[in-house]
Amino acid sequence: MFGVGWLLRVRQYVACRSLWYDECKLANSVISAPLYNLRTSGTPEGFLLVTKLAVSLLGTHEWVLRLAPLLAGLLALPLVYIVAREAFGRRCARLALCLLAFSPVLIRYGDDFKQYSVDLLVALLLYWAVFFPIQRVERISPTRFVSGCVLGGLAIWFSHPSLFVLAGIGFALFGQAIARKNARKVAQLLLIGGFWIASFTACYLISLAAPAARDNLVSYWAGRDAFMPLLPRSLSQLRWFGHAAAGMFAEAGGFSLGYPVALAAFAAGAIWVYHRGKKTTLLALVGPILFALLASGLHKYPFKGRLLTFTVPCMALLTALGVYAICTQSRTRAARAMGYLLAMCILAHPGYMCAKRFIAPRLKEEIKPVLQYVVDHYRQGDRLYVYYGAGPAVEYYWPGYFPAPGDYILGVRAREYPEEYGRDIRKLNSSGRTWIIFSHLYRNERALFLHNLDRMGCKVRDVQAYGASAYLYEL
């Protein structure tokens, strides 16, 4: 199963699709910034540092930029098996591995120049290298103490939501030590937790405390209903919890159409763990979700989509355990058959999507063939106008297609005042042959541009690609 999961991820990676808008913005920032001043809102410094070193050594190709997410995705597969085996046994680990291996969402994150694949790997590393070694012992050895401090402290710099994982792990271990009246271990855990808090404080002050960046993040996600109602006062606010749970399993976990079955299996797995007396393990797994919900209610962290990748270990382990418990604990063949049917229902659609994407890898904003077409038909004296959404992509790809420095007109961004687009495009009147390049389109803005251009001149040719296009007009 490791090989299948790795093959699916490498297949998407070698397809080398064009970087899309968010990836290009991050890539341009990493490439242009000096090593000592890497700072991009919302992106962990550790991730930026690793990428900058890779770019410095290997170049700025898409494969280099996406190398860290790919490696994180590949390493997550054996690690989830180890973590699940440690927690619940070998059979449960096999199904947990399948859930990650065939997750279209996680395959996608392994091919995106973003940090979400690293969020998953860091969460698994913390369970494997911090939680289980400390949970098993009554006295934390100096080696475990130092490794717990260092790994937890470093995790925050590579994955901001690892703070929730550390909080869940720390709370679970602290509760276990108190229940066993182990004063020495309580004191050691307080010291480890203090080190984690100090590391997070430093990370917050350096990269997360900027008011403008924070306000923009809150505003963006508030419009997507990503913050929990702290004190629900209506039925619609109560419904938020149902939508959030569905979104966590369907969007972050990649269970897609099988998420209702996965949710039911998850609940069964949590109940099974509780009744088996593994409350510390249950709390360590569920705790990060609860802390993230609290942060969401305080409008400090959006509880939605890709930002919940760190919850995948909890979802995968408890869902696999729920299915395993139904299959093995039932005395009748019908009940066992139901357990196997549940597993097939959960894996059917992700498996279908993986097969589909293996044949035809995922595309998003394919601007490379568009730029190649423009280069092939470019004449001396042609002008280039770049739609603002295509700006980061053209900036990143320009050196590879045009030898001269960027000599193009970047359009205005005026979503709230669409009449500004007409004024901007009319500045090109009587310019002769003019190329208009589009990608990362917003609603019907391309139609608005083309309507104005058709009134100003005559379209000579055009090229269409997935999520990108270009038009040549004689103005």
Protein backbone atom coordinates (compact mmCIF):
# COMPACT_ATOMS: atom_id res chain seq x y z
CA MET A 1 0.00 0.00 0.00
CA PHE A 2 2.93 2.35 0.62
CA GLY A 3 3.99 1.89 -2.99
CA VAL A 4 0.52 2.67 -4.35
CA GLY A 5 0.23 5.82 -2.27
CA TRP A 6 3.72 6.96 -3.28
CA LEU A 7 3.00 6.22 -6.95
CA LEU A 8 -0.18 8.32 -6.90
CA ARG A 9 1.69 11.28 -5.42
CA VAL A 10 4.73 11.03 -7.68
CA ARG A 11 2.45 10.73 -10.73
CA GLN A 12 0.81 14.07 -9.94
CA TYR A 13 4.19 15.64 -9.14
CA VAL A 14 5.91 14.64 -12.39
CA ALA A 15 2.96 15.99 -14.42
CA CYS A 16 4.42 19.40 -13.52
CA ARG A 17 1.27 21.47 -13.91
CA SER A 18 1.59 25.24 -13.92
CA LEU A 19 1.81 27.02 -10.60
CA TRP A 20 -1.50 28.67 -9.77
CA TYR A 21 -2.11 32.12 -8.27
CA ASP A 22 -1.37 31.40 -4.60
CA GLU A 23 1.67 29.28 -5.43
CA CYS A 24 3.07 31.98 -7.72
CA LYS A 25 2.65 34.70 -5.09
CA LEU A 26 4.51 32.59 -2.55
CA ALA A 27 7.16 31.55 -5.09
CA ASN A 28 7.86 35.16 -6.13
CA SER A 29 8.22 36.13 -2.48
CA VAL A 30 10.62 33.28 -1.69
CA ILE A 31 12.72 33.81 -4.82
CA SER A 32 13.09 37.57 -4.41
CA ALA A 33 13.58 37.76 -0.62
CA PRO A 34 17.03 37.30 0.94
CA LEU A 35 17.57 34.31 3.21
CA TYR A 36 17.68 36.45 6.35
CA ASN A 37 14.38 38.21 5.59
CA LEU A 38 11.99 35.42 4.61
CA ARG A 39 8.61 36.52 5.84
CA THR A 40 5.27 35.78 4.21
CA SER A 41 2.00 36.22 6.05
CA GLY A 42 0.53 32.91 7.18
CA THR A 43 3.39 30.72 5.91
CA PRO A 44 5.66 29.12 8.54
CA GLU A 45 9.25 30.33 8.57
CA GLY A 46 10.65 26.80 8.67
CA PHE A 47 8.82 25.89 5.47
CA LEU A 48 10.06 29.08 3.78
CA LEU A 49 13.64 28.44 4.92
CA VAL A 50 13.71 24.88 3.59
CA THR A 51 12.27 26.05 0.26
CA LYS A 52 14.73 28.95 -0.01
CA LEU A 53 17.66 26.58 0.55
CA ALA A 54 16.29 24.19 -2.09
CA VAL A 55 15.85 27.06 -4.56
CA SER A 56 19.36 28.32 -3.86
CA LEU A 57 20.83 24.88 -4.56
CA LEU A 58 18.57 23.49 -7.29
CA GLY A 59 16.96 26.46 -9.03
CA THR A 60 13.45 27.91 -9.24
CA HIS A 61 11.68 25.14 -11.20
CA GLU A 62 8.20 24.04 -10.09
CA TRP A 63 9.62 20.66 -9.09
CA VAL A 64 12.03 22.33 -6.67
CA LEU A 65 9.34 24.52 -5.12
CA ARG A 66 7.03 21.53 -4.63
CA LEU A 67 9.73 19.19 -3.36
CA ALA A 68 9.13 19.78 0.38
CA PRO A 69 5.33 19.18 0.13
CA LEU A 70 5.94 16.03 -1.93
CA LEU A 71 8.46 14.59 0.53
CA ALA A 72 6.14 15.44 3.44
CA GLY A 73 3.31 13.58 1.71
CA LEU A 74 5.49 10.56 1.01
CA LEU A 75 6.83 10.38 4.58
CA ALA A 76 3.33 10.75 6.05
CA LEU A 77 2.26 7.33 4.73
CA PRO A 78 4.71 5.11 6.66
CA LEU A 79 4.39 7.40 9.65
CA VAL A 80 0.60 7.14 9.87
CA TYR A 81 0.98 3.35 9.78
CA ILE A 82 3.50 3.47 12.66
CA VAL A 83 1.33 5.84 14.72
CA ALA A 84 -1.86 3.82 14.15
CA ARG A 85 -0.08 0.55 14.94
CA GLU A 86 1.30 2.03 18.15
CA ALA A 87 -2.13 3.30 19.17
CA PHE A 88 -4.53 0.57 18.06
CA GLY A 89 -2.71 -2.35 16.44
CA ARG A 90 -1.59 -3.58 13.05
CA ARG A 91 -4.99 -4.22 11.44
CA CYS A 92 -6.28 -0.77 12.26
CA ALA A 93 -3.02 0.68 10.93
CA ARG A 94 -3.56 -0.91 7.53
CA LEU A 95 -6.93 0.76 7.06
CA ALA A 96 -5.62 4.10 8.35
CA LEU A 97 -2.84 3.86 5.77
CA CYS A 98 -5.41 3.19 3.03
CA LEU A 99 -7.42 6.25 4.06
CA LEU A 100 -4.36 8.48 3.64
CA ALA A 101 -2.94 6.73 0.59
CA PHE A 102 -6.16 7.16 -1.42
CA SER A 103 -7.07 10.66 -0.25
CA PRO A 104 -7.33 12.91 -3.34
CA VAL A 105 -7.06 15.96 -1.08
CA LEU A 106 -3.77 14.84 0.47
CA ILE A 107 -2.40 13.91 -2.95
CA ARG A 108 -3.26 17.43 -4.09
CA TYR A 109 -1.55 19.02 -1.10
CA GLY A 110 1.55 16.97 -1.86
CA ASP A 111 1.69 18.70 -5.25
CA ASP A 112 0.90 22.24 -4.07
CA PHE A 113 3.62 24.70 -3.17
CA LYS A 114 1.90 25.31 0.16
CA GLN A 115 2.51 24.10 3.70
CA TYR A 116 -0.56 21.90 4.23
CA SER A 117 1.21 18.61 3.49
CA VAL A 118 3.83 19.60 6.06
CA ASP A 119 1.05 20.26 8.61
CA LEU A 120 0.05 16.60 8.32
CA LEU A 121 3.61 15.30 8.62
CA VAL A 122 4.40 17.46 11.65
CA ALA A 123 1.23 16.31 13.45
CA LEU A 124 2.17 12.66 12.88
CA LEU A 125 5.75 13.29 14.00
CA LEU A 126 4.53 14.82 17.26
CA TYR A 127 2.38 11.78 18.04
CA TRP A 128 5.19 9.37 17.17
CA ALA A 129 8.17 11.15 18.72
CA VAL A 130 6.58 13.08 21.61
CA PHE A 131 3.24 11.66 22.71
CA PHE A 132 3.81 7.90 22.71
CA PRO A 133 7.35 7.93 24.19
CA ILE A 134 6.20 10.13 27.09
CA GLN A 135 2.85 8.40 27.59
CA ARG A 136 4.48 5.00 28.12
CA VAL A 137 6.76 6.01 30.99
CA GLU A 138 6.21 7.15 34.55
CA ARG A 139 9.42 9.16 34.58
CA ILE A 140 10.58 11.23 31.61
CA SER A 141 14.24 10.53 30.90
CA PRO A 142 16.61 13.40 30.04
CA THR A 143 16.67 12.25 26.41
CA ARG A 144 12.87 12.24 26.13
CA PHE A 145 12.69 15.55 27.99
CA VAL A 146 15.09 17.29 25.60
CA SER A 147 13.57 15.72 22.49
CA GLY A 148 10.07 16.70 23.66
CA CYS A 149 11.16 20.31 24.18
CA VAL A 150 13.10 20.58 20.92
CA LEU A 151 10.64 18.78 18.64
CA GLY A 152 7.64 20.62 20.03
CA GLY A 153 9.43 23.95 19.88
CA LEU A 154 10.56 23.42 16.28
CA ALA A 155 7.17 22.08 15.14
CA ILE A 156 5.52 25.49 15.57
CA TRP A 157 8.02 27.07 13.16
CA PHE A 158 7.23 24.51 10.45
CA SER A 159 3.48 24.21 11.05
CA HIS A 160 1.48 26.90 12.83
CA PRO A 161 -1.51 24.62 13.60
CA SER A 162 0.86 22.20 15.33
CA LEU A 163 0.15 24.46 18.31
CA PHE A 164 -3.25 22.73 18.57
CA VAL A 165 -1.63 19.30 18.31
CA LEU A 166 0.83 20.21 21.06
CA ALA A 167 -2.01 21.55 23.20
CA GLY A 168 -3.98 18.32 22.79
CA ILE A 169 -0.94 16.14 23.50
CA GLY A 170 0.13 18.26 26.48
CA PHE A 171 -3.34 18.33 27.99
CA ALA A 172 -3.71 14.55 27.61
CA LEU A 173 -0.30 13.79 29.14
CA PHE A 174 -0.81 16.29 31.93
CA GLY A 175 -4.20 14.77 32.78
CA GLN A 176 -2.71 11.28 32.83
CA ALA A 177 0.09 12.37 35.17
CA ILE A 178 -2.34 14.07 37.56
CA ALA A 179 -4.66 11.04 37.56
CA ARG A 180 -1.72 8.84 38.53
CA LYS A 181 -0.55 11.38 41.14
CA ASN A 182 2.86 11.49 39.50
CA ALA A 183 4.16 14.84 40.78
CA ARG A 184 7.58 14.47 39.15
CA LYS A 185 6.09 13.90 35.71
CA VAL A 186 3.67 16.82 36.20
CA ALA A 187 6.63 19.11 36.91
CA GLN A 188 8.52 17.81 33.87
CA LEU A 189 5.50 18.31 31.64
CA LEU A 190 5.08 21.87 32.91
CA LEU A 191 8.67 22.62 31.92
CA ILE A 192 8.20 21.07 28.47
CA GLY A 193 4.94 22.98 28.00
CA GLY A 194 6.66 26.20 29.06
CA PHE A 195 9.28 25.68 26.36
CA TRP A 196 6.54 25.16 23.77
CA ILE A 197 4.76 28.34 24.87
CA ALA A 198 8.00 30.33 24.66
CA SER A 199 8.63 29.04 21.14
CA PHE A 200 5.10 29.89 20.05
CA THR A 201 5.35 33.38 21.55
CA ALA A 202 8.52 34.06 19.56
CA CYS A 203 6.90 32.71 16.38
CA TYR A 204 3.80 34.81 16.97
CA LEU A 205 5.73 38.02 17.51
CA ILE A 206 7.86 37.47 14.42
CA SER A 207 5.31 36.32 11.86
CA LEU A 208 1.72 36.32 13.12
CA ALA A 209 1.25 39.52 15.08
CA ALA A 210 1.09 41.95 12.13
CA PRO A 211 -2.38 43.58 12.39
CA ALA A 212 -2.87 44.04 8.65
CA ALA A 213 -2.13 40.40 7.82
CA ARG A 214 -4.26 39.18 10.72
CA ASP A 215 -7.21 41.40 9.79
CA ASN A 216 -7.09 40.31 6.15
CA LEU A 217 -7.08 36.65 7.20
CA VAL A 218 -10.05 37.12 9.53
CA SER A 219 -11.98 39.07 6.91
CA TYR A 220 -11.33 36.47 4.19
CA TRP A 221 -12.42 33.47 6.27
CA ALA A 222 -15.32 35.23 7.99
CA GLY A 223 -16.97 35.50 4.59
CA ARG A 224 -16.65 31.72 4.26
CA ASP A 225 -18.34 30.95 7.56
CA ALA A 226 -15.13 29.51 9.03
CA PHE A 227 -15.54 30.76 12.61
CA MET A 228 -17.50 28.85 15.23
CA PRO A 229 -20.39 30.62 16.99
CA LEU A 230 -18.91 30.76 20.48
CA LEU A 231 -22.37 30.89 22.10
CA PRO A 232 -24.93 29.57 19.57
CA ARG A 233 -28.17 31.49 19.82
CA SER A 234 -30.15 30.20 16.85
CA LEU A 235 -30.84 27.05 14.89
CA SER A 236 -28.75 28.30 11.98
CA GLN A 237 -25.78 28.77 14.31
CA LEU A 238 -26.24 25.24 15.64
CA ARG A 239 -26.21 23.97 12.07
CA TRP A 240 -22.70 25.40 11.77
CA PHE A 241 -21.33 22.47 13.78
CA GLY A 242 -22.85 19.95 11.39
CA HIS A 243 -21.47 21.80 8.37
CA ALA A 244 -18.07 22.09 10.06
CA ALA A 245 -17.90 18.35 10.79
CA ALA A 246 -18.94 17.51 7.23
CA GLY A 247 -16.39 19.94 5.82
CA MET A 248 -13.61 18.58 8.02
CA PHE A 249 -14.15 15.03 6.74
CA ALA A 250 -15.00 15.88 3.12
CA GLU A 251 -12.55 18.74 2.48
CA ALA A 252 -9.62 18.18 4.85
CA GLY A 253 -9.81 14.40 5.19
CA GLY A 254 -10.64 13.72 1.56
CA PHE A 255 -13.49 11.33 2.32
CA SER A 256 -15.63 13.21 -0.24
CA LEU A 257 -18.95 11.42 -0.90
CA GLY A 258 -18.31 8.84 1.81
CA TYR A 259 -17.98 11.39 4.59
CA PRO A 260 -21.31 10.49 6.34
CA VAL A 261 -20.11 6.88 6.65
CA ALA A 262 -16.69 8.07 7.78
CA LEU A 263 -18.30 10.30 10.41
CA ALA A 264 -20.32 7.36 11.76
CA ALA A 265 -17.21 5.16 11.86
CA PHE A 266 -15.28 7.96 13.56
CA ALA A 267 -17.91 8.20 16.30
CA ALA A 268 -17.88 4.41 16.72
CA GLY A 269 -14.09 4.44 16.99
CA ALA A 270 -14.13 7.20 19.62
CA ILE A 271 -16.70 5.31 21.69
CA TRP A 272 -14.70 2.09 21.39
CA VAL A 273 -11.50 3.80 22.58
CA TYR A 274 -13.31 5.39 25.51
CA HIS A 275 -14.82 2.12 26.70
CA ARG A 276 -11.47 0.35 26.31
CA GLY A 277 -9.96 2.78 28.79
CA LYS A 278 -7.56 4.52 26.37
CA LYS A 279 -8.77 7.95 27.44
CA THR A 280 -5.32 9.55 27.21
CA THR A 281 -4.90 8.48 23.61
CA LEU A 282 -8.44 9.60 22.77
CA LEU A 283 -7.85 13.01 24.31
CA ALA A 284 -4.55 13.44 22.50
CA LEU A 285 -6.27 12.69 19.18
CA VAL A 286 -9.46 14.71 19.69
CA GLY A 287 -7.86 17.51 21.72
CA PRO A 288 -6.39 19.36 18.71
CA ILE A 289 -9.85 19.57 17.13
CA LEU A 290 -11.35 20.95 20.35
CA PHE A 291 -8.60 23.55 20.75
CA ALA A 292 -8.96 24.57 17.10
CA LEU A 293 -12.71 24.99 17.61
CA LEU A 294 -12.07 27.21 20.62
CA ALA A 295 -9.62 29.33 18.61
CA SER A 296 -12.20 29.52 15.84
CA GLY A 297 -14.86 30.72 18.28
CA LEU A 298 -12.45 33.47 19.36
CA HIS A 299 -11.84 34.38 15.68
CA LYS A 300 -8.17 33.44 15.95
CA TYR A 301 -8.07 30.46 13.57
CA PRO A 302 -10.45 29.49 10.73
CA PHE A 303 -11.99 26.04 11.15
CA LYS A 304 -12.34 25.10 7.51
CA GLY A 305 -10.89 23.21 4.57
CA ARG A 306 -7.17 23.05 4.00
CA LEU A 307 -6.40 24.71 7.33
CA LEU A 308 -7.60 21.52 9.07
CA THR A 309 -5.06 19.14 7.55
CA PHE A 310 -3.51 18.70 10.99
CA THR A 311 -6.73 16.92 12.09
CA VAL A 312 -6.29 14.14 9.51
CA PRO A 313 -4.39 11.80 11.90
CA CYS A 314 -7.29 11.94 14.34
CA MET A 315 -9.86 11.35 11.60
CA ALA A 316 -7.93 8.53 9.95
CA LEU A 317 -7.08 6.66 13.15
CA LEU A 318 -10.51 6.81 14.77
CA THR A 319 -12.37 6.15 11.51
CA ALA A 320 -10.18 3.12 10.81
CA LEU A 321 -10.66 1.94 14.38
CA GLY A 322 -14.44 2.28 14.11
CA VAL A 323 -14.53 0.11 11.00
CA TYR A 324 -12.09 -2.37 12.55
CA ALA A 325 -14.16 -2.60 15.75
CA ILE A 326 -17.33 -3.38 13.79
CA CYS A 327 -15.53 -6.05 11.75
CA THR A 328 -13.79 -7.81 14.63
CA GLN A 329 -16.00 -7.33 17.66
CA SER A 330 -19.25 -8.50 16.07
CA ARG A 331 -20.25 -12.11 16.53
CA THR A 332 -22.41 -12.43 13.42
CA ARG A 333 -21.27 -12.65 9.84
CA ALA A 334 -23.82 -10.02 8.80
CA ALA A 335 -22.33 -7.47 11.18
CA ARG A 336 -18.83 -8.26 9.96
CA ALA A 337 -19.97 -7.91 6.38
CA MET A 338 -21.40 -4.51 7.33
CA GLY A 339 -17.98 -3.45 8.59
CA TYR A 340 -16.32 -4.39 5.31
CA LEU A 341 -19.11 -2.61 3.43
CA LEU A 342 -18.44 0.53 5.47
CA ALA A 343 -14.78 0.41 4.49
CA MET A 344 -15.69 0.06 0.81
CA CYS A 345 -18.17 2.95 1.04
CA ILE A 346 -15.51 5.20 2.55
CA LEU A 347 -12.81 4.26 0.04
CA ALA A 348 -14.91 3.89 -3.14
CA HIS A 349 -15.09 7.51 -4.29
CA PRO A 350 -11.54 8.48 -3.22
CA GLY A 351 -10.27 5.39 -5.02
CA TYR A 352 -12.20 6.33 -8.16
CA MET A 353 -10.83 9.89 -8.05
CA CYS A 354 -7.28 8.61 -7.58
CA ALA A 355 -7.61 6.34 -10.62
CA LYS A 356 -9.05 9.21 -12.63
CA ARG A 357 -6.25 11.60 -11.62
CA PHE A 358 -3.62 8.96 -12.29
CA ILE A 359 -4.75 8.84 -15.92
CA ALA A 360 -5.32 12.60 -16.21
CA PRO A 361 -3.48 14.53 -13.46
CA ARG A 362 -5.23 17.49 -11.86
CA LEU A 363 -4.91 20.89 -13.51
CA LYS A 364 -5.75 24.32 -12.12
CA GLU A 365 -4.43 27.35 -14.01
CA GLU A 366 -2.38 26.17 -16.98
CA ILE A 367 -0.69 29.39 -18.02
CA LYS A 368 2.47 27.75 -19.43
CA PRO A 369 0.92 26.66 -22.77
CA VAL A 370 -0.73 30.07 -23.04
CA LEU A 371 2.59 31.90 -22.63
CA GLN A 372 4.24 29.51 -25.09
CA TYR A 373 1.55 30.34 -27.65
CA VAL A 374 2.09 34.06 -27.11
CA VAL A 375 5.87 33.64 -27.58
CA ASP A 376 5.38 31.58 -30.75
CA HIS A 377 3.15 34.26 -32.33
CA TYR A 378 4.77 37.34 -30.87
CA ARG A 379 5.99 40.07 -33.21
CA GLN A 380 8.37 42.88 -32.49
CA GLY A 381 6.35 45.84 -31.22
CA ASP A 382 3.44 43.79 -29.80
CA ARG A 383 2.10 45.03 -26.47
CA LEU A 384 1.11 42.76 -23.57
CA TYR A 385 -1.64 43.51 -21.10
CA VAL A 386 -1.86 41.13 -18.13
CA TYR A 387 -5.11 40.73 -16.21
CA TYR A 388 -4.34 41.34 -12.53
CA GLY A 389 -5.18 37.74 -11.54
CA ALA A 390 -2.50 36.50 -13.96
CA GLY A 391 0.09 38.94 -12.61
CA PRO A 392 1.89 36.61 -10.14
CA ALA A 393 2.03 33.79 -12.71
CA VAL A 394 3.41 36.02 -15.47
CA GLU A 395 5.98 37.45 -13.04
CA TYR A 396 7.15 33.94 -12.13
CA TYR A 397 7.19 32.49 -15.66
CA TRP A 398 8.33 35.57 -17.58
CA PRO A 399 12.11 34.84 -17.49
CA GLY A 400 11.55 31.38 -18.93
CA TYR A 401 9.62 32.65 -21.96
CA PHE A 402 10.81 36.21 -22.60
CA PRO A 403 14.54 36.97 -22.44
CA ALA A 404 14.01 40.69 -21.81
CA PRO A 405 12.92 42.00 -18.40
CA GLY A 406 9.19 42.20 -17.78
CA ASP A 407 7.80 44.70 -20.29
CA TYR A 408 4.07 44.34 -19.89
CA ILE A 409 1.15 46.31 -18.53
CA LEU A 410 -0.37 44.90 -15.34
CA GLY A 411 -4.09 45.59 -15.15
CA VAL A 412 -5.89 47.15 -12.23
CA ARG A 413 -7.83 45.16 -9.63
CA ALA A 414 -11.27 46.74 -9.24
CA ARG A 415 -13.74 44.03 -8.30
CA GLU A 416 -15.96 46.50 -6.42
CA TYR A 417 -15.84 49.04 -9.29
CA PRO A 418 -16.00 47.09 -12.58
CA GLU A 419 -16.29 50.28 -14.62
CA GLU A 420 -12.61 50.84 -13.84
CA TYR A 421 -11.74 47.90 -16.08
CA GLY A 422 -13.22 49.71 -19.06
CA ARG A 423 -11.20 52.83 -18.30
CA ASP A 424 -8.03 50.77 -17.87
CA ILE A 425 -8.43 48.88 -21.12
CA ARG A 426 -9.30 52.01 -23.10
CA LYS A 427 -5.78 53.28 -22.40
CA LEU A 428 -4.66 50.67 -24.94
CA ASN A 429 -6.66 52.26 -27.76
CA SER A 430 -4.67 52.68 -31.01
CA SER A 431 -1.86 50.51 -29.62
CA GLY A 432 -1.78 48.15 -32.59
CA ARG A 433 -1.29 44.44 -31.90
CA THR A 434 -2.03 43.83 -28.22
CA TRP A 435 -2.06 40.56 -26.26
CA ILE A 436 -4.43 40.19 -23.30
CA ILE A 437 -3.46 37.38 -20.89
CA PHE A 438 -5.92 35.90 -18.38
CA SER A 439 -5.75 33.44 -15.49
CA HIS A 440 -7.20 33.19 -11.98
CA LEU A 441 -10.39 34.82 -13.25
CA TYR A 442 -12.95 36.37 -10.96
CA ARG A 443 -16.56 35.75 -11.93
CA ASN A 444 -17.42 37.31 -15.34
CA GLU A 445 -14.55 39.80 -15.55
CA ARG A 446 -13.06 38.24 -18.69
CA ALA A 447 -16.37 38.73 -20.53
CA LEU A 448 -16.35 42.37 -19.42
CA PHE A 449 -12.83 42.84 -20.78
CA LEU A 450 -13.62 41.15 -24.09
CA HIS A 451 -16.79 43.21 -24.50
CA ASN A 452 -14.76 46.41 -24.25
CA LEU A 453 -12.01 45.07 -26.51
CA ASP A 454 -14.51 44.03 -29.22
CA ARG A 455 -15.79 47.60 -29.29
CA MET A 456 -12.25 48.98 -29.58
CA GLY A 457 -10.77 46.69 -32.22
CA CYS A 458 -10.72 43.32 -33.92
CA LYS A 459 -9.73 39.97 -32.43
CA VAL A 460 -6.97 38.33 -34.46
CA ARG A 461 -6.43 35.05 -32.60
CA ASP A 462 -6.84 33.42 -29.18
CA VAL A 463 -5.62 30.44 -27.17
CA GLN A 464 -7.48 28.58 -24.44
CA ALA A 465 -6.04 26.35 -21.73
CA TYR A 466 -7.37 24.98 -18.46
CA GLY A 467 -7.92 28.05 -16.25
CA ALA A 468 -5.95 30.42 -18.49
CA SER A 469 -6.25 32.10 -21.89
CA ALA A 470 -4.84 34.83 -24.13
CA TYR A 471 -6.31 37.00 -26.88
CA LEU A 472 -4.58 39.01 -29.60
CA TYR A 473 -6.39 42.18 -30.69
CA GLU A 474 -5.65 44.73 -33.36
CA LEU A 475 -6.49 47.99 -31.61
